Amino acid sequence: MGSAILYTNAQAMGKMQAREERMPKPAKKAKQAFWERGYLAHGYWLGKERLGQVKLGPKKEWDGIYRWRAGNHSGEAATLDEAKRAVEQAVLVGASQLRLFEK
């Protein structure tokens, strides 16, 4: 049986030099709004803030119309997808408008 030969780098075995530069911290990801399904309603959330919602009527009395509300905007839609798109659009419009009277 042959003997194993161990190759080492003698300089690497000593103390390592201290790093002068710190590693950059990873950038924080921007929060992304998401839809959450609830009982007779769907909510559009950004963190813990509700941006908008789509409501259905009571189960036995529901007329097939989805009613949505986002900020000061509201409306009705024939399908859930249309109502969700309307909420998302209203949130985008509300976020892009300039606030005239706030300091």
C-alpha atoms as a PDB file:
ATOM      1  CA  MET A   1       0.000   0.000   0.000  1.00  0.00           C
ATOM      2  CA  GLY A   2       1.248   3.419  -0.884  1.00  0.00           C
ATOM      3  CA  SER A   3       1.328   6.272   1.516  1.00  0.00           C
ATOM      4  CA  ALA A   4      -0.919   9.259   0.848  1.00  0.00           C
ATOM      5  CA  ILE A   5       0.842  12.482   0.011  1.00  0.00           C
ATOM      6  CA  LEU A   6      -0.747  15.601   1.449  1.00  0.00           C
ATOM      7  CA  TYR A   7      -0.137  18.793  -0.462  1.00  0.00           C
ATOM      8  CA  THR A   8      -0.716  22.022   1.427  1.00  0.00           C
ATOM      9  CA  ASN A   9      -0.169  25.668   0.841  1.00  0.00           C
ATOM     10  CA  ALA A  10       1.893  26.741   3.835  1.00  0.00           C
ATOM     11  CA  GLN A  11       0.840  30.401   3.549  1.00  0.00           C
ATOM     12  CA  ALA A  12      -2.849  29.495   3.659  1.00  0.00           C
ATOM     13  CA  MET A  13      -2.393  27.658   6.940  1.00  0.00           C
ATOM     14  CA  GLY A  14      -1.455  30.834   8.829  1.00  0.00           C
ATOM     15  CA  LYS A  15      -3.756  33.638   9.934  1.00  0.00           C
ATOM     16  CA  MET A  16      -5.911  35.187   7.262  1.00  0.00           C
ATOM     17  CA  GLN A  17      -5.583  38.885   6.641  1.00  0.00           C
ATOM     18  CA  ALA A  18      -8.456  41.068   7.806  1.00  0.00           C
ATOM     19  CA  ARG A  19     -10.699  42.329   5.034  1.00  0.00           C
ATOM     20  CA  GLU A  20     -10.697  46.034   4.567  1.00  0.00           C
ATOM     21  CA  GLU A  21     -13.860  46.190   2.468  1.00  0.00           C
ATOM     22  CA  ARG A  22     -17.206  45.105   3.808  1.00  0.00           C
ATOM     23  CA  MET A  23     -19.468  43.059   1.645  1.00  0.00           C
ATOM     24  CA  PRO A  24     -22.405  45.111   0.367  1.00  0.00           C
ATOM     25  CA  LYS A  25     -25.735  44.203   1.918  1.00  0.00           C
ATOM     26  CA  PRO A  26     -28.262  42.756  -0.487  1.00  0.00           C
ATOM     27  CA  ALA A  27     -30.818  45.306  -1.652  1.00  0.00           C
ATOM     28  CA  LYS A  28     -34.214  45.046  -0.005  1.00  0.00           C
ATOM     29  CA  LYS A  29     -36.928  43.866  -2.325  1.00  0.00           C
ATOM     30  CA  ALA A  30     -39.785  46.250  -2.877  1.00  0.00           C
ATOM     31  CA  LYS A  31     -43.052  44.993  -1.463  1.00  0.00           C
ATOM     32  CA  GLN A  32     -45.448  43.755  -4.060  1.00  0.00           C
ATOM     33  CA  ALA A  33     -49.209  44.029  -3.758  1.00  0.00           C
ATOM     34  CA  PHE A  34     -51.155  40.760  -3.764  1.00  0.00           C
ATOM     35  CA  TRP A  35     -54.733  39.507  -3.893  1.00  0.00           C
ATOM     36  CA  GLU A  36     -56.214  37.609  -0.961  1.00  0.00           C
ATOM     37  CA  ARG A  37     -59.463  35.705  -1.161  1.00  0.00           C
ATOM     38  CA  GLY A  38     -61.943  36.171   1.647  1.00  0.00           C
ATOM     39  CA  TYR A  39     -65.551  35.303   2.359  1.00  0.00           C
ATOM     40  CA  LEU A  40     -67.668  37.010  -0.338  1.00  0.00           C
ATOM     41  CA  ALA A  41     -64.796  39.419  -1.069  1.00  0.00           C
ATOM     42  CA  HIS A  42     -61.257  39.641  -2.444  1.00  0.00           C
ATOM     43  CA  GLY A  43     -58.766  42.108  -0.949  1.00  0.00           C
ATOM     44  CA  TYR A  44     -55.785  43.777  -2.634  1.00  0.00           C
ATOM     45  CA  TRP A  45     -53.016  44.195  -0.036  1.00  0.00           C
ATOM     46  CA  LEU A  46     -49.617  45.837   0.198  1.00  0.00           C
ATOM     47  CA  GLY A  47     -48.094  44.545   3.424  1.00  0.00           C
ATOM     48  CA  LYS A  48     -50.696  45.219   6.116  1.00  0.00           C
ATOM     49  CA  GLU A  49     -52.442  47.994   4.188  1.00  0.00           C
ATOM     50  CA  ARG A  50     -55.528  47.130   2.151  1.00  0.00           C
ATOM     51  CA  LEU A  51     -55.419  49.030  -1.130  1.00  0.00           C
ATOM     52  CA  GLY A  52     -58.755  47.885  -2.496  1.00  0.00           C
ATOM     53  CA  GLN A  53     -61.354  45.172  -2.541  1.00  0.00           C
ATOM     54  CA  VAL A  54     -63.907  43.406  -4.710  1.00  0.00           C
ATOM     55  CA  LYS A  55     -67.181  42.372  -3.055  1.00  0.00           C
ATOM     56  CA  LEU A  56     -69.890  39.950  -4.024  1.00  0.00           C
ATOM     57  CA  GLY A  57     -73.451  40.234  -2.759  1.00  0.00           C
ATOM     58  CA  PRO A  58     -75.021  37.892  -0.212  1.00  0.00           C
ATOM     59  CA  LYS A  59     -74.998  34.270  -1.428  1.00  0.00           C
ATOM     60  CA  LYS A  60     -78.692  33.750  -2.139  1.00  0.00           C
ATOM     61  CA  GLU A  61     -79.307  37.343  -3.260  1.00  0.00           C
ATOM     62  CA  TRP A  62     -76.213  37.873  -5.421  1.00  0.00           C
ATOM     63  CA  ASP A  63     -77.064  39.549  -8.726  1.00  0.00           C
ATOM     64  CA  GLY A  64     -73.856  38.491 -10.536  1.00  0.00           C
ATOM     65  CA  ILE A  65     -72.211  41.930 -10.334  1.00  0.00           C
ATOM     66  CA  TYR A  66     -68.811  42.425  -8.720  1.00  0.00           C
ATOM     67  CA  ARG A  67     -68.537  45.725  -6.831  1.00  0.00           C
ATOM     68  CA  TRP A  68     -65.043  47.108  -6.352  1.00  0.00           C
ATOM     69  CA  ARG A  69     -63.539  49.937  -4.317  1.00  0.00           C
ATOM     70  CA  ALA A  70     -59.996  51.351  -4.206  1.00  0.00           C
ATOM     71  CA  GLY A  71     -59.335  54.622  -2.414  1.00  0.00           C
ATOM     72  CA  ASN A  72     -61.877  57.175  -3.648  1.00  0.00           C
ATOM     73  CA  HIS A  73     -62.719  55.126  -6.748  1.00  0.00           C
ATOM     74  CA  SER A  74     -65.456  52.518  -7.003  1.00  0.00           C
ATOM     75  CA  GLY A  75     -67.448  50.740  -9.662  1.00  0.00           C
ATOM     76  CA  GLU A  76     -69.062  47.558 -10.877  1.00  0.00           C
ATOM     77  CA  ALA A  77     -67.894  44.829 -13.240  1.00  0.00           C
ATOM     78  CA  ALA A  78     -69.397  41.766 -14.870  1.00  0.00           C
ATOM     79  CA  THR A  79     -66.470  39.433 -14.094  1.00  0.00           C
ATOM     80  CA  LEU A  80     -64.036  39.023 -11.235  1.00  0.00           C
ATOM     81  CA  ASP A  81     -61.043  39.553 -13.549  1.00  0.00           C
ATOM     82  CA  GLU A  82     -62.455  42.871 -14.783  1.00  0.00           C
ATOM     83  CA  ALA A  83     -63.099  44.025 -11.229  1.00  0.00           C
ATOM     84  CA  LYS A  84     -59.588  43.080 -10.103  1.00  0.00           C
ATOM     85  CA  ARG A  85     -58.058  44.904 -13.079  1.00  0.00           C
ATOM     86  CA  ALA A  86     -60.144  47.978 -12.250  1.00  0.00           C
ATOM     87  CA  VAL A  87     -58.880  47.946  -8.635  1.00  0.00           C
ATOM     88  CA  GLU A  88     -55.265  47.582  -9.772  1.00  0.00           C
ATOM     89  CA  GLN A  89     -55.704  50.429 -12.270  1.00  0.00           C
ATOM     90  CA  ALA A  90     -57.319  52.665  -9.638  1.00  0.00           C
ATOM     91  CA  VAL A  91     -54.439  51.959  -7.239  1.00  0.00           C
ATOM     92  CA  LEU A  92     -51.913  52.875  -9.938  1.00  0.00           C
ATOM     93  CA  VAL A  93     -53.764  56.099 -10.787  1.00  0.00           C
ATOM     94  CA  GLY A  94     -54.024  56.995  -7.107  1.00  0.00           C
ATOM     95  CA  ALA A  95     -50.316  56.385  -6.603  1.00  0.00           C
ATOM     96  CA  SER A  96     -49.309  58.478  -9.609  1.00  0.00           C
ATOM     97  CA  GLN A  97     -51.463  61.533  -8.850  1.00  0.00           C
ATOM     98  CA  LEU A  98     -49.768  64.460  -7.184  1.00  0.00           C
ATOM     99  CA  ARG A  99     -50.922  65.312  -3.707  1.00  0.00           C
ATOM    100  CA  LEU A 100     -51.811  68.976  -3.955  1.00  0.00           C
ATOM    101  CA  PHE A 101     -52.852  69.932  -0.456  1.00  0.00           C
ATOM    102  CA  GLU A 102     -50.713  67.677   1.744  1.00  0.00           C
ATOM    103  CA  LYS A 103     -47.490  68.889   3.293  1.00  0.00           C
END
